[in-house]
Amino acid sequence: PAPDTSPQPAIEMISPTAIKVGSAPSTLDVMGFNFVAGTKVLIDGNLVPWEWVDGTRINVALDRNLLSQAGRHEIVLVNPEPLATGMWGDGTSNSAYLLVEY
């Protein structure tokens, strides 16, 4: 369940940062801070399956469809309303990028 209020999330690192096009479905580790159980993960603006590990780590499912498209894919996290304070942002993290390479 989501907390009464959500902090502003931030991505510090993803692993891996690059993966070969056509790879088998795999898991992307997103590390940072202020992740909550209700945090949503978007890749290129699309909601994707994920698993909340704790306040500093989320595992994201990379499916065959995403891995069939070479390019730079934007990853952002969005925490649910209400936010603890709007002063620090709108609940959307900074962006990280996964490179799907030939």
Protein backbone atom coordinates (compact mmCIF):
# COMPACT_ATOMS: atom_id res chain seq x y z
CA PRO A 1 0.00 0.00 0.00
CA ALA A 2 1.02 3.59 -0.64
CA PRO A 3 1.90 5.81 2.31
CA ASP A 4 -0.26 8.76 3.37
CA THR A 5 2.16 11.01 1.51
CA SER A 6 4.89 10.22 -1.01
CA PRO A 7 8.41 11.68 -1.16
CA GLN A 8 10.03 12.89 -4.39
CA PRO A 9 11.73 9.86 -6.06
CA ALA A 10 15.15 9.96 -7.71
CA ILE A 11 17.06 7.49 -9.89
CA GLU A 12 20.79 7.18 -9.12
CA MET A 13 21.68 4.19 -11.29
CA ILE A 14 20.26 1.44 -13.49
CA SER A 15 21.78 -1.96 -14.23
CA PRO A 16 22.36 -2.97 -16.91
CA THR A 17 22.72 0.32 -18.78
CA ALA A 18 22.84 -1.42 -22.17
CA ILE A 19 21.47 -4.66 -23.58
CA LYS A 20 21.59 -6.27 -27.03
CA VAL A 21 18.56 -5.99 -29.28
CA GLY A 22 16.68 -9.30 -29.42
CA SER A 23 17.81 -10.40 -25.96
CA ALA A 24 15.56 -12.67 -23.92
CA PRO A 25 13.22 -10.95 -21.45
CA SER A 26 15.21 -9.87 -18.42
CA THR A 27 15.20 -7.67 -15.34
CA LEU A 28 16.43 -4.10 -15.01
CA ASP A 29 17.51 -2.97 -11.54
CA VAL A 30 16.65 0.66 -10.78
CA MET A 31 18.46 2.10 -7.76
CA GLY A 32 17.92 5.46 -6.09
CA PHE A 33 15.84 6.75 -3.22
CA ASN A 34 12.31 7.57 -2.05
CA PHE A 35 10.69 4.63 -3.83
CA VAL A 36 7.37 3.53 -2.31
CA ALA A 37 5.21 0.46 -2.87
CA GLY A 38 2.90 2.54 -5.11
CA THR A 39 5.68 3.94 -7.31
CA LYS A 40 4.94 3.48 -11.02
CA VAL A 41 7.63 2.76 -13.62
CA LEU A 42 7.37 4.17 -17.13
CA ILE A 43 9.59 3.34 -20.09
CA ASP A 44 9.14 5.71 -23.01
CA GLY A 45 5.96 6.94 -21.31
CA ASN A 46 4.40 3.47 -21.03
CA LEU A 47 3.61 1.79 -17.72
CA VAL A 48 5.66 -1.42 -17.37
CA PRO A 49 5.61 -4.35 -14.91
CA TRP A 50 7.85 -3.88 -11.89
CA GLU A 51 8.53 -5.24 -8.42
CA TRP A 52 9.16 -2.94 -5.45
CA VAL A 53 12.12 -4.26 -3.43
CA ASP A 54 12.55 -1.42 -0.94
CA GLY A 55 12.88 2.36 -0.74
CA THR A 56 16.09 2.27 -2.79
CA ARG A 57 15.48 -0.46 -5.38
CA ILE A 58 12.87 -1.50 -7.93
CA ASN A 59 13.14 -4.41 -10.40
CA VAL A 60 11.63 -3.77 -13.83
CA ALA A 61 10.55 -6.47 -16.30
CA LEU A 62 12.04 -5.92 -19.75
CA ASP A 63 9.87 -7.79 -22.24
CA ARG A 64 10.59 -9.05 -25.76
CA ASN A 65 8.71 -6.15 -27.35
CA LEU A 66 10.92 -3.51 -25.72
CA LEU A 67 14.09 -5.50 -26.38
CA SER A 68 13.20 -5.83 -30.07
CA GLN A 69 13.52 -2.06 -30.55
CA ALA A 70 17.07 -0.70 -30.76
CA GLY A 71 17.50 2.78 -29.34
CA ARG A 72 17.64 4.82 -26.17
CA HIS A 73 14.66 4.19 -23.89
CA GLU A 74 13.73 6.70 -21.17
CA ILE A 75 12.94 5.37 -17.69
CA VAL A 76 11.13 7.49 -15.09
CA LEU A 77 9.46 6.68 -11.78
CA VAL A 78 6.29 8.38 -10.56
CA ASN A 79 5.21 8.37 -6.93
CA PRO A 80 1.50 8.45 -6.08
CA GLU A 81 -0.37 11.48 -4.77
CA PRO A 82 -0.46 13.08 -2.34
CA LEU A 83 3.15 14.20 -2.32
CA ALA A 84 4.85 15.09 0.95
CA THR A 85 5.70 18.52 -0.45
CA GLY A 86 5.28 19.92 -3.93
CA MET A 87 8.26 22.19 -3.34
CA TRP A 88 10.73 19.51 -4.48
CA GLY A 89 8.89 18.38 -7.61
CA ASP A 90 5.75 16.81 -8.97
CA GLY A 91 6.48 13.21 -7.91
CA THR A 92 8.27 12.32 -11.15
CA SER A 93 11.91 11.27 -10.91
CA ASN A 94 14.79 12.32 -13.10
CA SER A 95 15.28 10.24 -16.24
CA ALA A 96 17.63 7.32 -16.77
CA TYR A 97 18.24 5.74 -20.15
CA LEU A 98 18.53 2.11 -21.20
CA LEU A 99 20.39 1.57 -24.45
CA VAL A 100 19.14 -1.33 -26.57
CA GLU A 101 21.97 -1.76 -29.04
CA TYR A 102 22.54 -3.73 -32.23
